[in-house]
Amino acid sequence: MIGVVVANRLRFTVLLFSLVVALIIAGVWAAWILVGADHVRERVEVALDDALGMEVQTGQPLQFGLLRGLHVTLTELEAHREGQLVATVDSARVRISLLNLLTGQVRPLELHLERPEFAVERLGPGVFNVYQPETDTGQADGWSLRRLRLSDARLDYLDRGSELQWLFEHCDADLRDLRHAGGVPEQVLATLAAVGELTCQTLTHDRLTVSDVSIEVRGESGVFELEPILATAFEGQLAARLEADLISDPPDFRLEGRMSQFDLGAFTPMLAQEKNASGKLDLDLALTARGRSWQDVRDSASGTIDMASGQLTLDGYDLDDELEGYATTQRFNLIDAGAVLLAGPVGLVASRGYAFSGLLGGDEGSTRIEEMVSEWTVEAGVAEARDVAFRTAQNRLALAGGLDFGNYSFADMRVAVIDRDGCAVVEQRISGPFREPEIKQPNFLVTAIGPLLDLVKHGIEAVRGDECEVFYSGSIPHP
């Protein structure tokens, strides 16, 4: 008897559930017919316009579904800005509110873009092909999404002024609770919020490749924190954090990071074609900047960039042997030592113009660097050498001067062979634009009586008999 009662209740429950589902489906279809597929499509396109900031067109009819909530799927999307194609999307799945649909409205709740491709170009200061301030000065409506997902995205970014190009490939994003209250751009930024994760398999720029990029995003009321930022570069591990205060006037940025055990052999192909160096380095940076454009951020950058290493090896060139006969041969180009002393992000910028190769392109002997340090102070976009030197078994080389990132130029940079007292025995200067620098001939600061190595060991004072101007007083000891 009890079994019969239970069976009857189960049948009733199943029947009731089926009836509810049927009513929901019927209500949805009724709303769909009432609202009209064309209206839904139009409203979805408007929602995508707002989400992407572009003019969106769909190539195929809408597909309607109920699995995991009421949604529509659009395929073969194209996004235009002033007639120019700036993005394509294989498919976009938009989850919408059933309650709003029953009242004749289409309100997107979630958006999932599959295989989107974006082509972003910077045309001038603050002007992009997807955003132009002279036309985007009106008030925006408030906007929100429960969730925004990007799957297998690709972003191609080109700076027309400098011809710098960055390519992000195979990227995924999962952002939740995106919202802003609308208004003018400053008000939008002041209320902007989101939380989620971003990943990219590769980020490339010229011969630079960064892989396995992973970022966690947290933002509220226009203040965003990206931590941790993890990636692999030059066979080393990068860990960083970025704070962005978008409501400051101008916006304020703080970046801290460390690249642990990156490989010199993986870096030198950025400066020469062959991988002919070995050794591990650690790099730390702490930078602050302010500005609404990349130029303002770059020109206001301040902080420190520090790098240190243990033993390094450069194959194909015997630096000590070359320096020993320098007084008679005068063949060695001291500036090429900057290829090693500028290793890391500082060197990547400078090496775009001048092809450092002297220590990296030989085919005889090898150089063992026993210790190296490269510490820089950055102020108003200019990196000034604070303690930049390395030593071999017999010699010590140091670098002084700076790099002006704002003007892409060497700021009276000098590389010198240092004696036991820190005085320059011979030095060479480089100045002017990175692309076409002026390189002076090496300058022997004292007449050499014997081999250069003897002068380095005994010091200029022992030869000249008076005090010399100290070129280097940093942490690298004399051999």
Protein backbone atom coordinates (compact mmCIF):
# COMPACT_ATOMS: atom_id res chain seq x y z
CA MET A 1 0.00 0.00 0.00
CA ILE A 2 2.79 2.40 0.93
CA GLY A 3 4.59 1.53 -2.30
CA VAL A 4 1.52 2.42 -4.33
CA VAL A 5 1.22 5.79 -2.59
CA VAL A 6 4.91 6.56 -3.17
CA ALA A 7 4.62 5.56 -6.83
CA ASN A 8 1.56 7.76 -7.30
CA ARG A 9 3.31 10.76 -5.69
CA LEU A 10 6.36 10.19 -7.89
CA ARG A 11 4.20 10.13 -11.01
CA PHE A 12 2.46 13.31 -9.85
CA THR A 13 5.81 15.05 -9.24
CA VAL A 14 7.13 14.06 -12.66
CA LEU A 15 3.88 15.20 -14.29
CA LEU A 16 3.97 18.51 -12.44
CA PHE A 17 7.62 19.08 -13.36
CA SER A 18 6.91 18.25 -16.99
CA LEU A 19 3.98 20.66 -16.98
CA VAL A 20 6.12 23.45 -15.52
CA VAL A 21 8.82 22.86 -18.13
CA ALA A 22 6.23 22.81 -20.88
CA LEU A 23 4.73 26.07 -19.62
CA ILE A 24 8.17 27.69 -19.50
CA ILE A 25 8.97 26.56 -23.04
CA ALA A 26 5.56 27.69 -24.22
CA GLY A 27 6.05 31.05 -22.49
CA VAL A 28 9.46 31.47 -24.05
CA TRP A 29 8.20 30.63 -27.50
CA ALA A 30 5.25 32.95 -27.01
CA ALA A 31 7.59 35.73 -25.94
CA TRP A 32 9.89 34.91 -28.83
CA ILE A 33 7.01 35.21 -31.29
CA LEU A 34 5.68 38.32 -29.54
CA VAL A 35 9.01 40.09 -29.48
CA GLY A 36 10.16 38.80 -32.83
CA ALA A 37 13.47 37.24 -33.86
CA ASP A 38 14.46 40.37 -35.75
CA HIS A 39 13.95 42.48 -32.63
CA VAL A 40 15.94 40.05 -30.50
CA ARG A 41 18.72 40.03 -33.05
CA GLU A 42 18.72 43.82 -33.19
CA ARG A 43 18.82 44.11 -29.40
CA VAL A 44 21.62 41.55 -29.14
CA GLU A 45 23.64 43.43 -31.74
CA VAL A 46 23.11 46.63 -29.74
CA ALA A 47 24.30 44.82 -26.62
CA LEU A 48 27.42 43.67 -28.46
CA ASP A 49 27.91 47.22 -29.75
CA ASP A 50 27.94 48.43 -26.14
CA ALA A 51 30.18 45.58 -24.93
CA LEU A 52 32.77 45.95 -27.68
CA GLY A 53 32.38 49.64 -28.41
CA MET A 54 31.95 48.90 -32.13
CA GLU A 55 29.31 48.41 -34.81
CA VAL A 56 28.45 44.71 -34.84
CA GLN A 57 26.85 42.79 -37.70
CA THR A 58 25.89 39.12 -37.72
CA GLY A 59 26.13 36.85 -40.75
CA GLN A 60 23.74 34.00 -39.88
CA PRO A 61 20.26 33.68 -38.35
CA LEU A 62 19.95 33.48 -34.58
CA GLN A 63 19.95 30.11 -32.87
CA PHE A 64 17.71 29.79 -29.84
CA GLY A 65 18.34 27.47 -26.87
CA LEU A 66 17.30 26.75 -23.29
CA LEU A 67 20.15 24.55 -22.08
CA ARG A 68 21.87 26.28 -19.13
CA GLY A 69 19.43 29.15 -19.37
CA LEU A 70 17.72 31.04 -22.14
CA HIS A 71 20.27 32.10 -24.73
CA VAL A 72 20.78 32.99 -28.37
CA THR A 73 23.82 32.18 -30.48
CA LEU A 74 25.11 34.36 -33.31
CA THR A 75 27.75 33.22 -35.79
CA GLU A 76 30.11 34.93 -38.23
CA LEU A 77 30.14 38.30 -36.49
CA GLU A 78 32.02 41.30 -37.81
CA ALA A 79 32.72 44.49 -35.88
CA HIS A 80 33.40 47.74 -37.71
CA ARG A 81 34.53 51.16 -36.69
CA GLU A 82 33.86 53.96 -39.17
CA GLY A 83 33.70 51.42 -42.00
CA GLN A 84 36.93 49.61 -41.05
CA LEU A 85 36.84 45.95 -40.02
CA VAL A 86 38.46 45.76 -36.57
CA ALA A 87 37.22 42.43 -35.19
CA THR A 88 35.69 39.13 -36.18
CA VAL A 89 34.06 36.48 -33.97
CA ASP A 90 33.28 32.91 -34.96
CA SER A 91 30.30 32.76 -32.61
CA ALA A 92 28.79 34.70 -29.75
CA ARG A 93 26.49 33.12 -27.19
CA VAL A 94 24.33 35.62 -25.33
CA ARG A 95 22.34 34.59 -22.30
CA ILE A 96 19.28 36.78 -21.84
CA SER A 97 16.71 37.39 -19.11
CA LEU A 98 13.51 35.37 -19.52
CA LEU A 99 11.54 37.80 -17.37
CA ASN A 100 12.60 40.74 -19.51
CA LEU A 101 11.88 38.79 -22.67
CA LEU A 102 8.31 38.17 -21.48
CA THR A 103 7.91 41.94 -21.14
CA GLY A 104 9.26 42.56 -24.63
CA GLN A 105 12.81 43.51 -23.61
CA VAL A 106 16.11 41.84 -24.39
CA ARG A 107 18.61 42.14 -21.55
CA PRO A 108 21.94 40.27 -21.95
CA LEU A 109 23.14 38.63 -18.77
CA GLU A 110 26.22 36.77 -20.03
CA LEU A 111 28.33 36.92 -23.17
CA HIS A 112 30.67 34.24 -24.54
CA LEU A 113 32.79 35.02 -27.61
CA GLU A 114 34.50 32.11 -29.33
CA ARG A 115 37.64 32.70 -31.40
CA PRO A 116 37.43 36.48 -31.56
CA GLU A 117 40.19 38.30 -33.45
CA PHE A 118 40.91 41.97 -32.78
CA ALA A 119 43.13 44.29 -34.85
CA VAL A 120 43.90 47.37 -32.76
CA GLU A 121 45.98 50.22 -34.13
CA ARG A 122 47.27 53.29 -32.35
CA LEU A 123 47.03 56.11 -34.87
CA GLY A 124 48.30 58.96 -32.68
CA PRO A 125 48.37 60.21 -29.08
CA GLY A 126 45.20 58.83 -27.47
CA VAL A 127 43.70 57.94 -30.86
CA PHE A 128 43.00 54.32 -31.86
CA ASN A 129 41.09 52.72 -34.69
CA VAL A 130 38.61 51.41 -32.09
CA TYR A 131 38.43 54.62 -30.05
CA GLN A 132 38.78 58.27 -30.99
CA PRO A 133 38.28 60.84 -28.20
CA GLU A 134 36.99 63.56 -30.50
CA THR A 135 34.02 61.37 -31.42
CA ASP A 136 33.60 59.47 -28.14
CA THR A 137 32.85 62.36 -25.81
CA GLY A 138 29.17 61.72 -25.17
CA GLN A 139 27.59 60.16 -22.13
CA ALA A 140 27.41 56.38 -22.02
CA ASP A 141 24.51 54.45 -20.53
CA GLY A 142 25.10 52.30 -17.49
CA TRP A 143 26.12 48.77 -18.42
CA SER A 144 26.56 45.43 -16.69
CA LEU A 145 27.23 41.79 -17.44
CA ARG A 146 27.25 38.89 -15.04
CA ARG A 147 29.95 37.21 -17.05
CA LEU A 148 32.10 37.86 -20.13
CA ARG A 149 34.09 34.98 -21.60
CA LEU A 150 36.57 34.95 -24.48
CA SER A 151 37.81 31.63 -25.85
CA ASP A 152 40.90 31.28 -28.07
CA ALA A 153 41.12 35.02 -28.69
CA ARG A 154 43.76 36.78 -30.80
CA LEU A 155 44.83 40.43 -30.47
CA ASP A 156 47.11 42.15 -32.96
CA TYR A 157 48.27 45.55 -31.65
CA LEU A 158 50.19 47.99 -33.86
CA ASP A 159 51.59 51.38 -32.91
CA ARG A 160 51.70 53.29 -36.19
CA GLY A 161 54.07 55.94 -34.85
CA SER A 162 56.85 53.60 -33.74
CA GLU A 163 55.86 50.56 -35.83
CA LEU A 164 55.93 48.49 -32.65
CA GLN A 165 53.70 45.45 -32.95
CA TRP A 166 52.50 43.05 -30.25
CA LEU A 167 50.63 39.83 -30.94
CA PHE A 168 48.60 38.00 -28.27
CA GLU A 169 47.52 34.51 -29.31
CA HIS A 170 45.36 31.73 -27.90
CA CYS A 171 44.00 33.87 -25.09
CA ASP A 172 41.12 33.09 -22.76
CA ALA A 173 39.28 35.45 -20.44
CA ASP A 174 36.67 34.87 -17.78
CA LEU A 175 35.48 38.14 -16.26
CA ARG A 176 32.54 38.38 -13.87
CA ASP A 177 30.35 41.13 -12.49
CA LEU A 178 31.40 43.70 -15.08
CA ARG A 179 29.67 47.02 -14.63
CA HIS A 180 29.82 50.79 -14.73
CA ALA A 181 27.22 53.43 -13.95
CA GLY A 182 27.54 55.33 -17.25
CA GLY A 183 28.11 59.02 -17.81
CA VAL A 184 31.11 60.79 -19.33
CA PRO A 185 34.36 58.78 -19.67
CA GLU A 186 35.64 59.95 -16.28
CA GLN A 187 32.42 58.78 -14.61
CA VAL A 188 32.56 55.45 -16.42
CA LEU A 189 36.10 54.85 -15.13
CA ALA A 190 35.13 55.90 -11.60
CA THR A 191 32.45 53.18 -11.43
CA LEU A 192 34.16 50.48 -13.49
CA ALA A 193 34.38 47.06 -11.82
CA ALA A 194 35.26 43.47 -12.75
CA VAL A 195 36.85 40.34 -11.34
CA GLY A 196 38.25 37.33 -13.19
CA GLU A 197 41.17 35.69 -14.93
CA LEU A 198 43.07 36.21 -18.18
CA THR A 199 45.46 33.76 -19.86
CA CYS A 200 47.46 33.76 -23.10
CA GLN A 201 49.59 31.00 -24.54
CA THR A 202 51.98 33.40 -26.27
CA LEU A 203 52.78 37.09 -26.48
CA THR A 204 55.27 38.02 -29.21
CA HIS A 205 57.10 41.18 -30.23
CA ASP A 206 59.80 40.90 -32.91
CA ARG A 207 61.97 38.03 -31.62
CA LEU A 208 60.70 38.33 -28.05
CA THR A 209 58.28 35.61 -26.95
CA VAL A 210 56.53 35.46 -23.59
CA SER A 211 54.51 32.32 -22.93
CA ASP A 212 52.05 30.89 -20.43
CA VAL A 213 50.76 34.31 -19.37
CA SER A 214 48.28 34.19 -16.49
CA ILE A 215 46.66 37.19 -14.77
CA GLU A 216 44.10 37.51 -12.00
CA VAL A 217 42.02 40.70 -12.13
CA ARG A 218 40.22 42.47 -9.29
CA GLY A 219 38.68 45.89 -9.76
CA GLU A 220 36.16 48.08 -8.00
CA SER A 221 35.26 51.76 -8.46
CA GLY A 222 37.96 52.29 -11.06
CA VAL A 223 40.83 50.85 -9.00
CA PHE A 224 42.25 47.60 -10.42
CA GLU A 225 44.76 45.13 -9.10
CA LEU A 226 46.36 42.55 -11.38
CA GLU A 227 47.98 39.95 -9.13
CA PRO A 228 49.56 37.60 -9.66
CA ILE A 229 50.86 38.16 -13.16
CA LEU A 230 52.73 34.99 -14.10
CA ALA A 231 54.61 34.16 -17.31
CA THR A 232 57.64 32.43 -18.79
CA ALA A 233 60.28 34.45 -20.67
CA PHE A 234 63.87 33.65 -21.64
CA GLU A 235 63.39 30.27 -19.93
CA GLY A 236 62.87 32.09 -16.62
CA GLN A 237 59.79 32.66 -14.49
CA LEU A 238 58.13 36.05 -14.20
CA ALA A 239 55.97 37.01 -11.22
CA ALA A 240 54.56 40.54 -10.99
CA ARG A 241 51.74 42.71 -9.75
CA LEU A 242 50.20 45.84 -11.25
CA GLU A 243 48.00 48.41 -9.53
CA ALA A 244 46.03 50.79 -11.76
CA ASP A 245 44.10 53.70 -10.24
CA LEU A 246 41.99 54.85 -13.18
CA ILE A 247 40.12 57.54 -11.24
CA SER A 248 43.24 59.54 -10.41
CA ASP A 249 43.90 62.55 -12.60
CA PRO A 250 45.90 61.41 -14.47
CA PRO A 251 45.61 57.64 -13.86
CA ASP A 252 48.29 56.19 -11.61
CA PHE A 253 50.15 52.89 -12.15
CA ARG A 254 52.46 50.83 -9.94
CA LEU A 255 54.35 47.78 -11.22
CA GLU A 256 56.48 45.39 -9.19
CA GLY A 257 57.99 42.22 -10.55
CA ARG A 258 60.76 39.67 -10.51
CA MET A 259 62.13 37.46 -13.27
CA SER A 260 63.96 34.55 -11.70
CA GLN A 261 66.75 32.59 -13.35
CA PHE A 262 66.26 33.80 -16.87
CA ASP A 263 68.80 32.39 -19.29
CA LEU A 264 71.37 34.65 -20.96
CA GLY A 265 71.58 32.19 -23.83
CA ALA A 266 67.87 32.63 -24.49
CA PHE A 267 68.26 36.43 -24.40
CA THR A 268 71.30 36.95 -26.65
CA PRO A 269 69.43 35.97 -29.87
CA MET A 270 67.58 39.26 -29.33
CA LEU A 271 70.91 41.00 -29.96
CA ALA A 272 72.62 38.54 -32.34
CA GLN A 273 71.37 35.65 -34.42
CA GLU A 274 73.17 32.85 -32.63
CA LYS A 275 72.67 31.47 -29.14
CA ASN A 276 76.27 31.61 -27.91
CA ALA A 277 76.04 32.48 -24.24
CA SER A 278 75.08 30.71 -21.04
CA GLY A 279 74.31 31.56 -17.44
CA LYS A 280 71.38 32.60 -15.25
CA LEU A 281 70.29 36.07 -14.14
CA ASP A 282 67.71 37.49 -11.74
CA LEU A 283 65.91 40.75 -12.45
CA ASP A 284 63.79 42.91 -10.13
CA LEU A 285 61.84 46.02 -11.05
CA ALA A 286 59.67 48.51 -9.22
CA LEU A 287 58.18 51.31 -11.30
CA THR A 288 55.50 53.96 -10.92
CA ALA A 289 54.00 56.08 -13.69
CA ARG A 290 51.08 58.39 -14.43
CA GLY A 291 49.24 59.33 -17.59
CA ARG A 292 46.33 58.81 -19.94
CA SER A 293 48.47 57.86 -22.94
CA TRP A 294 51.36 55.47 -23.41
CA GLN A 295 53.69 58.42 -24.04
CA ASP A 296 52.71 60.07 -20.74
CA VAL A 297 53.14 56.79 -18.86
CA ARG A 298 56.55 56.18 -20.44
CA ASP A 299 57.79 59.73 -19.89
CA SER A 300 56.70 59.76 -16.22
CA ALA A 301 58.10 56.34 -15.30
CA SER A 302 60.23 56.31 -12.13
CA GLY A 303 61.69 53.59 -9.96
CA THR A 304 64.42 50.96 -10.15
CA ILE A 305 65.49 48.10 -12.42
CA ASP A 306 68.08 45.77 -10.88
CA MET A 307 69.74 42.70 -12.33
CA ALA A 308 72.49 40.44 -11.00
CA SER A 309 74.18 37.20 -11.97
CA GLY A 310 76.76 34.69 -10.97
CA GLN A 311 79.04 33.18 -13.59
CA LEU A 312 78.23 33.79 -17.26
CA THR A 313 79.98 32.46 -20.37
CA LEU A 314 80.22 34.10 -23.81
CA ASP A 315 81.42 31.70 -26.50
CA GLY A 316 83.39 32.76 -29.56
CA TYR A 317 85.31 35.67 -28.04
CA ASP A 318 88.12 35.93 -25.48
CA LEU A 319 87.67 39.37 -23.93
CA ASP A 320 90.75 39.20 -21.68
CA ASP A 321 92.96 38.14 -24.57
CA GLU A 322 91.65 40.95 -26.76
CA LEU A 323 92.12 43.56 -24.06
CA GLU A 324 95.66 42.40 -23.31
CA GLY A 325 96.78 43.45 -26.77
CA TYR A 326 94.44 46.42 -27.05
CA ALA A 327 97.16 49.06 -26.80
CA THR A 328 98.66 47.89 -30.08
CA THR A 329 95.68 46.44 -31.96
CA GLN A 330 92.97 49.01 -31.01
CA ARG A 331 90.50 46.52 -32.47
CA PHE A 332 88.05 46.01 -29.65
CA ASN A 333 84.81 47.99 -29.66
CA LEU A 334 84.03 48.67 -25.99
CA ILE A 335 80.45 49.65 -26.74
CA ASP A 336 79.73 46.04 -27.66
CA ALA A 337 80.24 45.17 -24.00
CA GLY A 338 76.98 47.03 -23.50
CA ALA A 339 75.20 44.04 -25.03
CA VAL A 340 75.88 42.17 -21.81
CA LEU A 341 75.63 45.09 -19.41
CA LEU A 342 72.25 46.07 -20.90
CA ALA A 343 70.78 42.57 -20.77
CA GLY A 344 67.11 42.41 -19.89
CA PRO A 345 64.30 44.90 -20.60
CA VAL A 346 66.66 47.87 -20.55
CA GLY A 347 68.70 46.36 -23.36
CA LEU A 348 65.71 45.29 -25.41
CA VAL A 349 64.77 48.91 -26.02
CA ALA A 350 68.27 50.16 -26.80
CA SER A 351 69.22 47.20 -28.99
CA ARG A 352 66.36 47.91 -31.41
CA GLY A 353 68.55 50.55 -33.03
CA TYR A 354 72.21 49.68 -32.45
CA ALA A 355 73.18 46.07 -33.28
CA PHE A 356 75.41 45.05 -30.37
CA SER A 357 77.43 42.14 -31.67
CA GLY A 358 81.11 42.36 -30.81
CA LEU A 359 81.00 39.98 -27.85
CA LEU A 360 78.35 37.77 -29.40
CA GLY A 361 79.45 37.11 -32.96
CA GLY A 362 83.00 35.73 -32.72
CA ASP A 363 84.24 32.25 -33.42
CA GLU A 364 87.37 31.91 -31.25
CA GLY A 365 87.82 31.38 -27.54
CA SER A 366 85.33 32.26 -24.82
CA THR A 367 84.85 34.79 -22.07
CA ARG A 368 83.90 33.86 -18.53
CA ILE A 369 82.20 36.64 -16.61
CA GLU A 370 82.63 35.82 -12.94
CA GLU A 371 80.09 38.35 -11.66
CA MET A 372 77.82 41.01 -13.10
CA VAL A 373 75.45 43.65 -11.75
CA SER A 374 73.20 46.00 -13.71
CA GLU A 375 71.28 48.43 -11.48
CA TRP A 376 69.39 51.41 -12.87
CA THR A 377 67.47 54.32 -11.43
CA VAL A 378 64.57 55.48 -13.59
CA GLU A 379 63.36 59.07 -13.30
CA ALA A 380 60.94 60.83 -15.66
CA GLY A 381 61.41 58.17 -18.31
CA VAL A 382 65.22 58.19 -18.22
CA ALA A 383 67.14 55.16 -16.92
CA GLU A 384 70.43 56.20 -15.31
CA ALA A 385 73.14 53.64 -14.60
CA ARG A 386 73.59 53.35 -10.82
CA ASP A 387 75.85 50.31 -10.55
CA VAL A 388 76.50 48.61 -13.90
CA ALA A 389 79.65 46.48 -14.27
CA PHE A 390 81.09 43.01 -14.70
CA ARG A 391 84.46 41.38 -14.09
CA THR A 392 86.36 38.61 -15.78
CA ALA A 393 89.43 36.80 -14.44
CA GLN A 394 91.64 39.77 -15.37
CA ASN A 395 89.50 42.82 -16.15
CA ARG A 396 86.61 44.88 -14.92
CA LEU A 397 84.30 46.81 -17.26
CA ALA A 398 81.72 49.38 -16.18
CA LEU A 399 79.02 51.47 -17.81
CA ALA A 400 77.90 55.02 -16.99
CA GLY A 401 75.28 57.31 -18.48
CA GLY A 402 71.67 56.71 -19.31
CA LEU A 403 68.92 55.70 -21.69
CA ASP A 404 66.22 58.23 -22.54
CA PHE A 405 63.15 56.10 -23.28
CA GLY A 406 61.04 59.18 -24.05
CA ASN A 407 63.31 60.26 -26.89
CA TYR A 408 64.59 56.75 -27.72
CA SER A 409 68.18 57.87 -27.37
CA PHE A 410 71.42 57.15 -25.54
CA ALA A 411 72.13 59.82 -22.92
CA ASP A 412 75.94 60.18 -23.00
CA MET A 413 76.53 56.49 -22.36
CA ARG A 414 80.11 55.39 -21.69
CA VAL A 415 81.69 51.94 -21.38
CA ALA A 416 85.14 51.74 -19.81
CA VAL A 417 87.85 49.36 -18.71
CA ILE A 418 88.48 50.10 -15.03
CA ASP A 419 91.74 49.93 -13.10
CA ARG A 420 92.12 48.75 -9.51
CA ASP A 421 91.12 52.21 -8.18
CA GLY A 422 87.94 52.47 -10.27
CA CYS A 423 89.46 54.89 -12.78
CA ALA A 424 88.83 54.49 -16.51
CA VAL A 425 91.90 53.33 -18.42
CA VAL A 426 90.13 53.41 -21.78
CA GLU A 427 86.55 54.40 -22.49
CA GLN A 428 84.16 54.74 -25.40
CA ARG A 429 81.04 56.92 -25.72
CA ILE A 430 77.74 56.44 -27.52
CA SER A 431 75.02 59.08 -27.78
CA GLY A 432 72.10 60.06 -29.96
CA PRO A 433 69.05 58.11 -31.21
CA PHE A 434 68.85 54.36 -30.69
CA ARG A 435 68.39 53.86 -34.43
CA GLU A 436 71.37 55.97 -35.54
CA PRO A 437 73.66 56.62 -32.57
CA GLU A 438 76.95 58.50 -32.70
CA ILE A 439 79.74 56.18 -31.57
CA LYS A 440 83.06 57.77 -30.64
CA GLN A 441 86.41 56.09 -31.12
CA PRO A 442 87.77 54.45 -27.94
CA ASN A 443 89.73 56.96 -25.89
CA PHE A 444 92.94 55.86 -24.15
CA LEU A 445 93.00 58.10 -21.08
CA VAL A 446 96.69 57.61 -20.36
CA THR A 447 99.63 56.74 -22.56
CA ALA A 448 100.25 53.03 -22.30
CA ILE A 449 103.87 52.12 -21.49
CA GLY A 450 103.23 48.40 -21.48
CA PRO A 451 100.37 45.96 -21.84
CA LEU A 452 96.94 47.24 -20.90
CA LEU A 453 96.62 44.48 -18.31
CA ASP A 454 99.61 45.90 -16.37
CA LEU A 455 98.00 49.34 -16.36
CA VAL A 456 94.75 47.86 -15.09
CA LYS A 457 96.54 45.97 -12.33
CA HIS A 458 98.74 48.82 -11.09
CA GLY A 459 96.35 51.69 -11.75
CA ILE A 460 96.61 55.01 -13.54
CA GLU A 461 97.97 56.78 -10.45
CA ALA A 462 101.01 54.50 -10.39
CA VAL A 463 101.81 55.51 -13.99
CA ARG A 464 100.79 59.16 -14.01
CA GLY A 465 101.65 59.99 -10.43
CA ASP A 466 98.50 62.02 -9.63
CA GLU A 467 94.91 61.30 -8.67
CA CYS A 468 92.41 60.28 -11.34
CA GLU A 469 88.68 60.78 -11.57
CA VAL A 470 86.86 57.70 -10.31
CA PHE A 471 84.64 56.24 -13.02
CA TYR A 472 83.22 53.33 -11.01
CA SER A 473 82.77 52.82 -7.26
CA GLY A 474 80.09 50.14 -7.27
CA SER A 475 79.77 46.65 -5.83
CA ILE A 476 81.83 44.62 -8.34
CA PRO A 477 85.34 44.13 -6.88
CA HIS A 478 88.53 44.30 -8.87
CA PRO A 479 89.79 40.91 -10.15
